[in-house]
PDB file of N, CA and C in Angstrom:
ATOM      1  N   MET A   1      14.305 -30.426 129.526  1.00  0.00           N
ATOM      2  CA  MET A   1      14.463 -29.142 128.867  1.00  0.00           C
ATOM      3  C   MET A   1      13.953 -28.040 129.788  1.00  0.00           C
ATOM      4  N   THR A   2      14.671 -26.943 129.829  1.00  0.00           N
ATOM      5  CA  THR A   2      14.271 -25.782 130.613  1.00  0.00           C
ATOM      6  C   THR A   2      13.982 -24.636 129.654  1.00  0.00           C
ATOM      7  N   THR A   3      12.808 -24.026 129.795  1.00  0.00           N
ATOM      8  CA  THR A   3      12.455 -22.874 128.972  1.00  0.00           C
ATOM      9  C   THR A   3      12.473 -21.634 129.846  1.00  0.00           C
ATOM     10  N   TYR A   4      13.327 -20.687 129.455  1.00  0.00           N
ATOM     11  CA  TYR A   4      13.478 -19.425 130.169  1.00  0.00           C
ATOM     12  C   TYR A   4      12.741 -18.343 129.393  1.00  0.00           C
ATOM     13  N   GLY A   5      11.895 -17.595 130.065  1.00  0.00           N
ATOM     14  CA  GLY A   5      11.244 -16.437 129.465  1.00  0.00           C
ATOM     15  C   GLY A   5      11.917 -15.186 129.972  1.00  0.00           C
ATOM     16  N   LEU A   6      12.269 -14.296 129.066  1.00  0.00           N
ATOM     17  CA  LEU A   6      12.897 -13.026 129.439  1.00  0.00           C
ATOM     18  C   LEU A   6      11.913 -11.916 129.085  1.00  0.00           C
ATOM     19  N   LEU A   7      11.370 -11.287 130.103  1.00  0.00           N
ATOM     20  CA  LEU A   7      10.386 -10.232 129.919  1.00  0.00           C
ATOM     21  C   LEU A   7      11.077  -8.950 129.475  1.00  0.00           C
ATOM     22  N   ILE A   8      10.569  -8.341 128.396  1.00  0.00           N
ATOM     23  CA  ILE A   8      11.114  -7.061 127.938  1.00  0.00           C
ATOM     24  C   ILE A   8       9.964  -6.062 127.817  1.00  0.00           C
ATOM     25  N   PHE A   9      10.282  -4.794 128.002  1.00  0.00           N
ATOM     26  CA  PHE A   9       9.275  -3.742 127.929  1.00  0.00           C
ATOM     27  C   PHE A   9       9.977  -2.428 127.617  1.00  0.00           C
ATOM     28  N   ASP A  10       9.203  -1.445 127.161  1.00  0.00           N
ATOM     29  CA  ASP A  10       9.781  -0.134 126.874  1.00  0.00           C
ATOM     30  C   ASP A  10      10.482   0.405 128.116  1.00  0.00           C
ATOM     31  N   GLY A  11      11.718   0.819 127.951  1.00  0.00           N
ATOM     32  CA  GLY A  11      12.495   1.357 129.057  1.00  0.00           C
ATOM     33  C   GLY A  11      13.320   0.322 129.805  1.00  0.00           C
ATOM     34  N   ALA A  12      13.225  -0.941 129.424  1.00  0.00           N
ATOM     35  CA  ALA A  12      14.021  -1.981 130.089  1.00  0.00           C
ATOM     36  C   ALA A  12      15.507  -1.747 129.799  1.00  0.00           C
ATOM     37  N   GLY A  13      16.344  -2.069 130.767  1.00  0.00           N
ATOM     38  CA  GLY A  13      17.788  -1.968 130.573  1.00  0.00           C
ATOM     39  C   GLY A  13      18.273  -3.094 129.669  1.00  0.00           C
ATOM     40  N   GLU A  14      19.073  -2.762 128.687  1.00  0.00           N
ATOM     41  CA  GLU A  14      19.533  -3.745 127.712  1.00  0.00           C
ATOM     42  C   GLU A  14      20.220  -4.940 128.371  1.00  0.00           C
ATOM     43  N   LEU A  15      21.134  -4.667 129.296  1.00  0.00           N
ATOM     44  CA  LEU A  15      21.885  -5.759 129.921  1.00  0.00           C
ATOM     45  C   LEU A  15      21.031  -6.605 130.870  1.00  0.00           C
ATOM     46  N   ASP A  16      19.893  -6.061 131.296  1.00  0.00           N
ATOM     47  CA  ASP A  16      19.033  -6.812 132.209  1.00  0.00           C
ATOM     48  C   ASP A  16      18.414  -8.035 131.551  1.00  0.00           C
ATOM     49  N   PHE A  17      18.329  -8.043 130.220  1.00  0.00           N
ATOM     50  CA  PHE A  17      17.829  -9.245 129.555  1.00  0.00           C
ATOM     51  C   PHE A  17      18.828  -9.850 128.574  1.00  0.00           C
ATOM     52  N   THR A  18      19.737  -9.032 127.988  1.00  0.00           N
ATOM     53  CA  THR A  18      20.707  -9.626 127.066  1.00  0.00           C
ATOM     54  C   THR A  18      21.762 -10.435 127.810  1.00  0.00           C
ATOM     55  N   GLY A  19      22.114  -9.997 129.027  1.00  0.00           N
ATOM     56  CA  GLY A  19      23.081 -10.762 129.837  1.00  0.00           C
ATOM     57  C   GLY A  19      22.545 -12.137 130.196  1.00  0.00           C
ATOM     58  N   PRO A  20      21.351 -12.212 130.812  1.00  0.00           N
ATOM     59  CA  PRO A  20      20.792 -13.533 131.115  1.00  0.00           C
ATOM     60  C   PRO A  20      20.579 -14.380 129.859  1.00  0.00           C
ATOM     61  N   ARG A  21      20.150 -13.746 128.750  1.00  0.00           N
ATOM     62  CA  ARG A  21      19.934 -14.514 127.515  1.00  0.00           C
ATOM     63  C   ARG A  21      21.242 -15.142 127.040  1.00  0.00           C
ATOM     64  N   GLU A  22      22.332 -14.406 127.155  1.00  0.00           N
ATOM     65  CA  GLU A  22      23.646 -14.928 126.772  1.00  0.00           C
ATOM     66  C   GLU A  22      23.995 -16.167 127.596  1.00  0.00           C
ATOM     67  N   VAL A  23      23.726 -16.106 128.888  1.00  0.00           N
ATOM     68  CA  VAL A  23      24.001 -17.254 129.769  1.00  0.00           C
ATOM     69  C   VAL A  23      23.125 -18.444 129.394  1.00  0.00           C
ATOM     70  N   PHE A  24      21.835 -18.197 129.188  1.00  0.00           N
ATOM     71  CA  PHE A  24      20.917 -19.299 128.883  1.00  0.00           C
ATOM     72  C   PHE A  24      21.201 -19.926 127.519  1.00  0.00           C
ATOM     73  N   THR A  25      21.614 -19.118 126.536  1.00  0.00           N
ATOM     74  CA  THR A  25      21.927 -19.703 125.234  1.00  0.00           C
ATOM     75  C   THR A  25      23.256 -20.468 125.286  1.00  0.00           C
ATOM     76  N   ALA A  26      24.198 -20.029 126.125  1.00  0.00           N
ATOM     77  CA  ALA A  26      25.432 -20.795 126.315  1.00  0.00           C
ATOM     78  C   ALA A  26      25.109 -22.132 126.972  1.00  0.00           C
ATOM     79  N   SER A  27      24.202 -22.108 127.935  1.00  0.00           N
ATOM     80  CA  SER A  27      23.765 -23.341 128.586  1.00  0.00           C
ATOM     81  C   SER A  27      23.143 -24.283 127.555  1.00  0.00           C
ATOM     82  N   ARG A  28      22.379 -23.718 126.644  1.00  0.00           N
ATOM     83  CA  ARG A  28      21.754 -24.525 125.579  1.00  0.00           C
ATOM     84  C   ARG A  28      22.818 -25.263 124.767  1.00  0.00           C
ATOM     85  N   MET A  29      23.899 -24.552 124.440  1.00  0.00           N
ATOM     86  CA  MET A  29      24.959 -25.180 123.651  1.00  0.00           C
ATOM     87  C   MET A  29      25.656 -26.289 124.437  1.00  0.00           C
ATOM     88  N   LEU A  30      25.842 -26.076 125.725  1.00  0.00           N
ATOM     89  CA  LEU A  30      26.524 -27.062 126.560  1.00  0.00           C
ATOM     90  C   LEU A  30      25.659 -28.272 126.890  1.00  0.00           C
ATOM     91  N   ARG A  31      24.343 -28.098 126.830  1.00  0.00           N
ATOM     92  CA  ARG A  31      23.429 -29.181 127.215  1.00  0.00           C
ATOM     93  C   ARG A  31      22.702 -29.786 126.013  1.00  0.00           C
ATOM     94  N   ASP A  32      23.369 -29.811 124.877  1.00  0.00           N
ATOM     95  CA  ASP A  32      22.797 -30.420 123.659  1.00  0.00           C
ATOM     96  C   ASP A  32      21.421 -29.865 123.325  1.00  0.00           C
ATOM     97  N   HIS A  33      21.299 -28.551 123.363  1.00  0.00           N
ATOM     98  CA  HIS A  33      20.067 -27.840 123.005  1.00  0.00           C
ATOM     99  C   HIS A  33      18.887 -28.181 123.912  1.00  0.00           C
ATOM    100  N   ALA A  34      19.189 -28.498 125.162  1.00  0.00           N
ATOM    101  CA  ALA A  34      18.132 -28.854 126.113  1.00  0.00           C
ATOM    102  C   ALA A  34      17.455 -27.633 126.723  1.00  0.00           C
ATOM    103  N   ASP A  35      18.042 -26.448 126.549  1.00  0.00           N
ATOM    104  CA  ASP A  35      17.457 -25.236 127.119  1.00  0.00           C
ATOM    105  C   ASP A  35      16.984 -24.312 126.006  1.00  0.00           C
ATOM    106  N   ASN A  36      16.026 -23.460 126.340  1.00  0.00           N
ATOM    107  CA  ASN A  36      15.494 -22.515 125.381  1.00  0.00           C
ATOM    108  C   ASN A  36      15.250 -21.186 126.086  1.00  0.00           C
ATOM    109  N   ALA A  37      15.632 -20.076 125.449  1.00  0.00           N
ATOM    110  CA  ALA A  37      15.406 -18.737 126.004  1.00  0.00           C
ATOM    111  C   ALA A  37      14.568 -17.945 125.006  1.00  0.00           C
ATOM    112  N   VAL A  38      13.441 -17.388 125.475  1.00  0.00           N
ATOM    113  CA  VAL A  38      12.550 -16.630 124.601  1.00  0.00           C
ATOM    114  C   VAL A  38      12.319 -15.236 125.169  1.00  0.00           C
ATOM    115  N   LEU A  39      12.206 -14.257 124.268  1.00  0.00           N
ATOM    116  CA  LEU A  39      11.894 -12.886 124.662  1.00  0.00           C
ATOM    117  C   LEU A  39      10.387 -12.695 124.616  1.00  0.00           C
ATOM    118  N   ILE A  40       9.825 -12.154 125.696  1.00  0.00           N
ATOM    119  CA  ILE A  40       8.375 -11.995 125.824  1.00  0.00           C
ATOM    120  C   ILE A  40       8.069 -10.524 126.127  1.00  0.00           C
ATOM    121  N   ALA A  41       7.081  -9.982 125.411  1.00  0.00           N
ATOM    122  CA  ALA A  41       6.643  -8.603 125.646  1.00  0.00           C
ATOM    123  C   ALA A  41       5.117  -8.572 125.672  1.00  0.00           C
ATOM    124  N   GLU A  42       4.590  -7.441 126.075  1.00  0.00           N
ATOM    125  CA  GLU A  42       3.133  -7.288 126.135  1.00  0.00           C
ATOM    126  C   GLU A  42       2.520  -7.296 124.740  1.00  0.00           C
ATOM    127  N   ARG A  43       3.276  -6.774 123.774  1.00  0.00           N
ATOM    128  CA  ARG A  43       2.766  -6.689 122.402  1.00  0.00           C
ATOM    129  C   ARG A  43       3.879  -7.131 121.436  1.00  0.00           C
ATOM    130  N   PRO A  44       3.534  -7.450 120.184  1.00  0.00           N
ATOM    131  CA  PRO A  44       4.545  -7.942 119.240  1.00  0.00           C
ATOM    132  C   PRO A  44       5.405  -6.854 118.611  1.00  0.00           C
ATOM    133  N   ASP A  45       5.092  -5.578 118.879  1.00  0.00           N
ATOM    134  CA  ASP A  45       5.856  -4.467 118.289  1.00  0.00           C
ATOM    135  C   ASP A  45       7.251  -4.379 118.894  1.00  0.00           C
ATOM    136  N   ALA A  46       8.110  -3.612 118.228  1.00  0.00           N
ATOM    137  CA  ALA A  46       9.466  -3.389 118.728  1.00  0.00           C
ATOM    138  C   ALA A  46       9.418  -2.683 120.077  1.00  0.00           C
ATOM    139  N   ILE A  47      10.325  -3.075 120.956  1.00  0.00           N
ATOM    140  CA  ILE A  47      10.466  -2.487 122.287  1.00  0.00           C
ATOM    141  C   ILE A  47      11.646  -1.512 122.236  1.00  0.00           C
ATOM    142  N   SER A  48      11.467  -0.325 122.790  1.00  0.00           N
ATOM    143  CA  SER A  48      12.561   0.657 122.879  1.00  0.00           C
ATOM    144  C   SER A  48      13.188   0.550 124.256  1.00  0.00           C
ATOM    145  N   CYS A  49      14.429   0.116 124.304  1.00  0.00           N
ATOM    146  CA  CYS A  49      15.120  -0.072 125.580  1.00  0.00           C
ATOM    147  C   CYS A  49      15.630   1.255 126.131  1.00  0.00           C
ATOM    148  N   ARG A  50      16.142   1.199 127.339  1.00  0.00           N
ATOM    149  CA  ARG A  50      16.551   2.383 128.094  1.00  0.00           C
ATOM    150  C   ARG A  50      17.560   3.258 127.353  1.00  0.00           C
ATOM    151  N   LYS A  51      18.497   2.645 126.659  1.00  0.00           N
ATOM    152  CA  LYS A  51      19.549   3.416 125.995  1.00  0.00           C
ATOM    153  C   LYS A  51      19.355   3.479 124.482  1.00  0.00           C
ATOM    154  N   GLY A  52      18.143   3.180 124.032  1.00  0.00           N
ATOM    155  CA  GLY A  52      17.830   3.366 122.617  1.00  0.00           C
ATOM    156  C   GLY A  52      17.797   2.121 121.755  1.00  0.00           C
ATOM    157  N   MET A  53      18.296   0.989 122.214  1.00  0.00           N
ATOM    158  CA  MET A  53      18.248  -0.227 121.414  1.00  0.00           C
ATOM    159  C   MET A  53      16.791  -0.638 121.219  1.00  0.00           C
ATOM    160  N   ARG A  54      16.450  -1.079 120.013  1.00  0.00           N
ATOM    161  CA  ARG A  54      15.095  -1.562 119.731  1.00  0.00           C
ATOM    162  C   ARG A  54      15.159  -3.072 119.528  1.00  0.00           C
ATOM    163  N   VAL A  55      14.210  -3.772 120.125  1.00  0.00           N
ATOM    164  CA  VAL A  55      14.221  -5.232 120.120  1.00  0.00           C
ATOM    165  C   VAL A  55      12.835  -5.748 119.724  1.00  0.00           C
ATOM    166  N   LEU A  56      12.816  -6.758 118.871  1.00  0.00           N
ATOM    167  CA  LEU A  56      11.555  -7.418 118.528  1.00  0.00           C
ATOM    168  C   LEU A  56      11.398  -8.658 119.398  1.00  0.00           C
ATOM    169  N   PRO A  57      10.326  -8.753 120.156  1.00  0.00           N
ATOM    170  CA  PRO A  57      10.114  -9.951 120.983  1.00  0.00           C
ATOM    171  C   PRO A  57       9.716 -11.135 120.103  1.00  0.00           C
ATOM    172  N   GLY A  58      10.046 -12.307 120.569  1.00  0.00           N
ATOM    173  CA  GLY A  58       9.639 -13.513 119.852  1.00  0.00           C
ATOM    174  C   GLY A  58       8.221 -13.931 120.191  1.00  0.00           C
ATOM    175  N   HIS A  59       7.740 -13.485 121.356  1.00  0.00           N
ATOM    176  CA  HIS A  59       6.417 -13.887 121.833  1.00  0.00           C
ATOM    177  C   HIS A  59       5.777 -12.744 122.612  1.00  0.00           C
ATOM    178  N   THR A  60       4.478 -12.855 122.792  1.00  0.00           N
ATOM    179  CA  THR A  60       3.771 -11.940 123.678  1.00  0.00           C
ATOM    180  C   THR A  60       3.363 -12.721 124.918  1.00  0.00           C
ATOM    181  N   ARG A  61       2.819 -12.003 125.888  1.00  0.00           N
ATOM    182  CA  ARG A  61       2.410 -12.697 127.110  1.00  0.00           C
ATOM    183  C   ARG A  61       1.237 -13.643 126.859  1.00  0.00           C
ATOM    184  N   ASP A  62       0.581 -13.499 125.699  1.00  0.00           N
ATOM    185  CA  ASP A  62      -0.550 -14.371 125.383  1.00  0.00           C
ATOM    186  C   ASP A  62      -0.171 -15.590 124.546  1.00  0.00           C
ATOM    187  N   ASP A  63       1.013 -15.586 123.920  1.00  0.00           N
ATOM    188  CA  ASP A  63       1.338 -16.707 123.017  1.00  0.00           C
ATOM    189  C   ASP A  63       2.686 -17.368 123.289  1.00  0.00           C
ATOM    190  N   HIS A  64       3.288 -17.122 124.450  1.00  0.00           N
ATOM    191  CA  HIS A  64       4.600 -17.717 124.725  1.00  0.00           C
ATOM    192  C   HIS A  64       4.451 -19.205 125.074  1.00  0.00           C
ATOM    193  N   PRO A  65       5.538 -19.972 124.898  1.00  0.00           N
ATOM    194  CA  PRO A  65       5.495 -21.385 125.274  1.00  0.00           C
ATOM    195  C   PRO A  65       5.427 -21.528 126.798  1.00  0.00           C
ATOM    196  N   PRO A  66       5.100 -22.696 127.293  1.00  0.00           N
ATOM    197  CA  PRO A  66       5.140 -22.906 128.754  1.00  0.00           C
ATOM    198  C   PRO A  66       6.547 -22.616 129.277  1.00  0.00           C
ATOM    199  N   LEU A  67       6.617 -21.897 130.397  1.00  0.00           N
ATOM    200  CA  LEU A  67       7.906 -21.478 130.945  1.00  0.00           C
ATOM    201  C   LEU A  67       8.240 -22.232 132.221  1.00  0.00           C
ATOM    202  N   ASP A  68       9.526 -22.499 132.388  1.00  0.00           N
ATOM    203  CA  ASP A  68      10.025 -23.028 133.652  1.00  0.00           C
ATOM    204  C   ASP A  68      10.504 -21.894 134.541  1.00  0.00           C
ATOM    205  N   VAL A  69      11.044 -20.839 133.913  1.00  0.00           N
ATOM    206  CA  VAL A  69      11.577 -19.687 134.642  1.00  0.00           C
ATOM    207  C   VAL A  69      11.229 -18.421 133.863  1.00  0.00           C
ATOM    208  N   LEU A  70      10.819 -17.373 134.594  1.00  0.00           N
ATOM    209  CA  LEU A  70      10.596 -16.058 133.996  1.00  0.00           C
ATOM    210  C   LEU A  70      11.571 -15.083 134.632  1.00  0.00           C
ATOM    211  N   VAL A  71      12.352 -14.383 133.807  1.00  0.00           N
ATOM    212  CA  VAL A  71      13.285 -13.371 134.290  1.00  0.00           C
ATOM    213  C   VAL A  71      12.661 -12.013 133.980  1.00  0.00           C
ATOM    214  N   ALA A  72      12.406 -11.225 135.027  1.00  0.00           N
ATOM    215  CA  ALA A  72      11.777  -9.911 134.872  1.00  0.00           C
ATOM    216  C   ALA A  72      12.756  -8.821 135.280  1.00  0.00           C
ATOM    217  N   PRO A  73      13.153  -7.943 134.333  1.00  0.00           N
ATOM    218  CA  PRO A  73      14.067  -6.858 134.677  1.00  0.00           C
ATOM    219  C   PRO A  73      13.419  -5.889 135.663  1.00  0.00           C
ATOM    220  N   PRO A  74      14.233  -5.122 136.380  1.00  0.00           N
ATOM    221  CA  PRO A  74      13.665  -4.097 137.265  1.00  0.00           C
ATOM    222  C   PRO A  74      13.011  -3.009 136.424  1.00  0.00           C
ATOM    223  N   PRO A  75      12.098  -2.240 137.010  1.00  0.00           N
ATOM    224  CA  PRO A  75      11.459  -1.161 136.251  1.00  0.00           C
ATOM    225  C   PRO A  75      12.471  -0.068 135.919  1.00  0.00           C
ATOM    226  N   PRO A  76      12.171   0.725 134.878  1.00  0.00           N
ATOM    227  CA  PRO A  76      13.089   1.816 134.545  1.00  0.00           C
ATOM    228  C   PRO A  76      13.142   2.838 135.670  1.00  0.00           C
ATOM    229  N   PRO A  77      14.281   3.523 135.811  1.00  0.00           N
ATOM    230  CA  PRO A  77      14.379   4.551 136.853  1.00  0.00           C
ATOM    231  C   PRO A  77      13.467   5.725 136.517  1.00  0.00           C
ATOM    232  N   PRO A  78      13.055   6.475 137.530  1.00  0.00           N
ATOM    233  CA  PRO A  78      12.195   7.631 137.265  1.00  0.00           C
ATOM    234  C   PRO A  78      12.963   8.728 136.538  1.00  0.00           C
ATOM    235  N   GLY A  79      12.234   9.629 135.926  1.00  0.00           N
ATOM    236  CA  GLY A  79      12.866  10.763 135.262  1.00  0.00           C
ATOM    237  C   GLY A  79      13.171  10.483 133.810  1.00  0.00           C
ATOM    238  N   PRO A  80      14.007  11.326 133.209  1.00  0.00           N
ATOM    239  CA  PRO A  80      14.323  11.169 131.787  1.00  0.00           C
ATOM    240  C   PRO A  80      15.123   9.898 131.551  1.00  0.00           C
ATOM    241  N   PRO A  81      15.106   9.393 130.317  1.00  0.00           N
ATOM    242  CA  PRO A  81      15.876   8.184 130.017  1.00  0.00           C
ATOM    243  C   PRO A  81      17.355   8.373 130.304  1.00  0.00           C
ATOM    244  N   ALA A  82      18.039   7.270 130.541  1.00  0.00           N
ATOM    245  CA  ALA A  82      19.472   7.328 130.845  1.00  0.00           C
ATOM    246  C   ALA A  82      20.263   7.924 129.698  1.00  0.00           C
ATOM    247  N   SER A  83      19.723   7.848 128.483  1.00  0.00           N
ATOM    248  CA  SER A  83      20.439   8.390 127.331  1.00  0.00           C
ATOM    249  C   SER A  83      20.350   9.910 127.258  1.00  0.00           C
ATOM    250  N   ALA A  84      19.523  10.533 128.120  1.00  0.00           N
ATOM    251  CA  ALA A  84      19.414  11.993 128.124  1.00  0.00           C
ATOM    252  C   ALA A  84      20.733  12.603 128.582  1.00  0.00           C
ATOM    253  N   PRO A  85      21.092  13.788 128.053  1.00  0.00           N
ATOM    254  CA  PRO A  85      22.362  14.427 128.450  1.00  0.00           C
ATOM    255  C   PRO A  85      22.460  14.587 129.964  1.00  0.00           C
ATOM    256  N   GLY A  86      23.598  14.220 130.510  1.00  0.00           N
ATOM    257  CA  GLY A  86      23.833  14.386 131.940  1.00  0.00           C
ATOM    258  C   GLY A  86      23.158  13.355 132.815  1.00  0.00           C
ATOM    259  N   ARG A  87      22.570  12.305 132.250  1.00  0.00           N
ATOM    260  CA  ARG A  87      21.833  11.313 133.045  1.00  0.00           C
ATOM    261  C   ARG A  87      22.437   9.933 132.815  1.00  0.00           C
ATOM    262  N   CYS A  88      22.753   9.257 133.865  1.00  0.00           N
ATOM    263  CA  CYS A  88      23.237   7.882 133.765  1.00  0.00           C
ATOM    264  C   CYS A  88      22.595   7.076 134.876  1.00  0.00           C
ATOM    265  N   CYS A  89      21.878   6.029 134.518  1.00  0.00           N
ATOM    266  CA  CYS A  89      21.166   5.259 135.537  1.00  0.00           C
ATOM    267  C   CYS A  89      22.135   4.520 136.457  1.00  0.00           C
ATOM    268  N   CYS A  90      23.373   4.340 136.025  1.00  0.00           N
ATOM    269  CA  CYS A  90      24.331   3.592 136.835  1.00  0.00           C
ATOM    270  C   CYS A  90      24.850   4.399 138.015  1.00  0.00           C
ATOM    271  N   THR A  91      24.640   5.713 138.003  1.00  0.00           N
ATOM    272  CA  THR A  91      25.192   6.537 139.068  1.00  0.00           C
ATOM    273  C   THR A  91      24.160   6.964 140.101  1.00  0.00           C
ATOM    274  N   ARG A  92      22.910   6.483 139.967  1.00  0.00           N
ATOM    275  CA  ARG A  92      21.917   6.898 140.966  1.00  0.00           C
ATOM    276  C   ARG A  92      22.302   6.315 142.322  1.00  0.00           C
ATOM    277  N   PRO A  93      22.071   7.039 143.401  1.00  0.00           N
ATOM    278  CA  PRO A  93      22.464   6.557 144.722  1.00  0.00           C
ATOM    279  C   PRO A  93      21.789   5.240 145.082  1.00  0.00           C
ATOM    280  N   ALA A  94      22.543   4.379 145.703  1.00  0.00           N
ATOM    281  CA  ALA A  94      22.016   3.061 146.072  1.00  0.00           C
ATOM    282  C   ALA A  94      20.833   3.188 147.021  1.00  0.00           C
ATOM    283  N   ARG A  95      20.860   4.186 147.912  1.00  0.00           N
ATOM    284  CA  ARG A  95      19.742   4.368 148.844  1.00  0.00           C
ATOM    285  C   ARG A  95      18.446   4.652 148.109  1.00  0.00           C
ATOM    286  N   HIS A  96      18.521   5.499 147.092  1.00  0.00           N
ATOM    287  CA  HIS A  96      17.330   5.829 146.313  1.00  0.00           C
ATOM    288  C   HIS A  96      16.806   4.585 145.602  1.00  0.00           C
ATOM    289  N   ALA A  97      17.720   3.835 144.994  1.00  0.00           N
ATOM    290  CA  ALA A  97      17.309   2.626 144.280  1.00  0.00           C
ATOM    291  C   ALA A  97      16.683   1.621 145.228  1.00  0.00           C
ATOM    292  N   ALA A  98      17.279   1.433 146.393  1.00  0.00           N
ATOM    293  CA  ALA A  98      16.750   0.463 147.349  1.00  0.00           C
ATOM    294  C   ALA A  98      15.372   0.886 147.850  1.00  0.00           C
ATOM    295  N   ALA A  99      15.159   2.192 148.027  1.00  0.00           N
ATOM    296  CA  ALA A  99      13.853   2.662 148.490  1.00  0.00           C
ATOM    297  C   ALA A  99      12.806   2.517 147.398  1.00  0.00           C
ATOM    298  N   LYS A 100      13.214   2.706 146.153  1.00  0.00           N
ATOM    299  CA  LYS A 100      12.275   2.658 145.031  1.00  0.00           C
ATOM    300  C   LYS A 100      11.940   1.227 144.643  1.00  0.00           C
ATOM    301  N   TRP A 101      12.931   0.347 144.621  1.00  0.00           N
ATOM    302  CA  TRP A 101      12.733  -1.035 144.199  1.00  0.00           C
ATOM    303  C   TRP A 101      13.336  -1.973 145.232  1.00  0.00           C
ATOM    304  N   PRO A 102      12.589  -2.320 146.267  1.00  0.00           N
ATOM    305  CA  PRO A 102      13.136  -3.230 147.278  1.00  0.00           C
ATOM    306  C   PRO A 102      13.502  -4.571 146.644  1.00  0.00           C
ATOM    307  N   PRO A 103      14.572  -5.185 147.101  1.00  0.00           N
ATOM    308  CA  PRO A 103      14.974  -6.475 146.544  1.00  0.00           C
ATOM    309  C   PRO A 103      13.915  -7.543 146.788  1.00  0.00           C
ATOM    310  N   THR A 104      13.800  -8.459 145.838  1.00  0.00           N
ATOM    311  CA  THR A 104      12.908  -9.594 146.023  1.00  0.00           C
ATOM    312  C   THR A 104      13.691 -10.701 146.711  1.00  0.00           C
ATOM    313  N   THR A 105      13.022 -11.776 147.042  1.00  0.00           N
ATOM    314  CA  THR A 105      13.719 -12.896 147.669  1.00  0.00           C
ATOM    315  C   THR A 105      14.655 -13.585 146.689  1.00  0.00           C
ATOM    316  N   HIS A 106      14.480 -13.311 145.382  1.00  0.00           N
ATOM    317  CA  HIS A 106      15.313 -13.950 144.370  1.00  0.00           C
ATOM    318  C   HIS A 106      16.406 -13.033 143.846  1.00  0.00           C
ATOM    319  N   SER A 107      16.501 -11.815 144.341  1.00  0.00           N
ATOM    320  CA  SER A 107      17.440 -10.842 143.798  1.00  0.00           C
ATOM    321  C   SER A 107      18.264 -10.250 144.936  1.00  0.00           C
ATOM    322  N   LYS A 108      19.584 -10.202 144.762  1.00  0.00           N
ATOM    323  CA  LYS A 108      20.453  -9.692 145.820  1.00  0.00           C
ATOM    324  C   LYS A 108      20.455  -8.176 145.880  1.00  0.00           C
ATOM    325  N   THR A 109      20.292  -7.495 144.751  1.00  0.00           N
ATOM    326  CA  THR A 109      20.242  -6.038 144.754  1.00  0.00           C
ATOM    327  C   THR A 109      19.039  -5.599 143.944  1.00  0.00           C
ATOM    328  N   PRO A 110      18.551  -4.371 144.178  1.00  0.00           N
ATOM    329  CA  PRO A 110      17.365  -3.921 143.457  1.00  0.00           C
ATOM    330  C   PRO A 110      17.591  -3.708 141.973  1.00  0.00           C
ATOM    331  N   CYS A 111      18.837  -3.617 141.523  1.00  0.00           N
ATOM    332  CA  CYS A 111      19.092  -3.375 140.106  1.00  0.00           C
ATOM    333  C   CYS A 111      19.296  -4.658 139.303  1.00  0.00           C
ATOM    334  N   LYS A 112      19.262  -5.797 139.947  1.00  0.00           N
ATOM    335  CA  LYS A 112      19.415  -7.060 139.222  1.00  0.00           C
ATOM    336  C   LYS A 112      18.047  -7.603 138.850  1.00  0.00           C
ATOM    337  N   PRO A 113      17.955  -8.313 137.736  1.00  0.00           N
ATOM    338  CA  PRO A 113      16.667  -8.895 137.363  1.00  0.00           C
ATOM    339  C   PRO A 113      16.182  -9.891 138.410  1.00  0.00           C
ATOM    340  N   ALA A 114      14.881  -9.971 138.547  1.00  0.00           N
ATOM    341  CA  ALA A 114      14.283 -10.955 139.449  1.00  0.00           C
ATOM    342  C   ALA A 114      14.011 -12.226 138.679  1.00  0.00           C
ATOM    343  N   VAL A 115      14.269 -13.347 139.275  1.00  0.00           N
ATOM    344  CA  VAL A 115      13.979 -14.633 138.659  1.00  0.00           C
ATOM    345  C   VAL A 115      12.745 -15.209 139.350  1.00  0.00           C
ATOM    346  N   ILE A 116      11.747 -15.488 138.554  1.00  0.00           N
ATOM    347  CA  ILE A 116      10.488 -15.980 139.089  1.00  0.00           C
ATOM    348  C   ILE A 116      10.248 -17.375 138.534  1.00  0.00           C
ATOM    349  N   SER A 117      10.171 -18.357 139.386  1.00  0.00           N
ATOM    350  CA  SER A 117       9.882 -19.721 138.953  1.00  0.00           C
ATOM    351  C   SER A 117       8.417 -20.008 139.211  1.00  0.00           C
ATOM    352  N   PRO A 118       7.647 -20.372 138.155  1.00  0.00           N
ATOM    353  CA  PRO A 118       6.234 -20.674 138.355  1.00  0.00           C
ATOM    354  C   PRO A 118       6.015 -21.899 139.214  1.00  0.00           C
TER     355      PRO A 118
END
């Protein structure tokens, strides 16, 4: 069994954790429920995502199950939220993003979630 932890926090991009969760839950169905994906936050309260979606985590960093993999989204972009008028995080220049969030060894671009295996 593989347990995937998906880290969520205020300002996290919705697709940065819902996309991987979709993949991991599909894997669970294909592998006779051998995989598990859990949402982890610093606190048990609702998290406000970058574009306004609110999410309740299943666990906190103090009570999550043992993890095989932790997926950590990139930090939110600087400035007002992407939902602010005239602001879209998808259009920020790649040079700025690369300078602000250098890619990790597990991530091909700075805007993709990092996968951390303990």
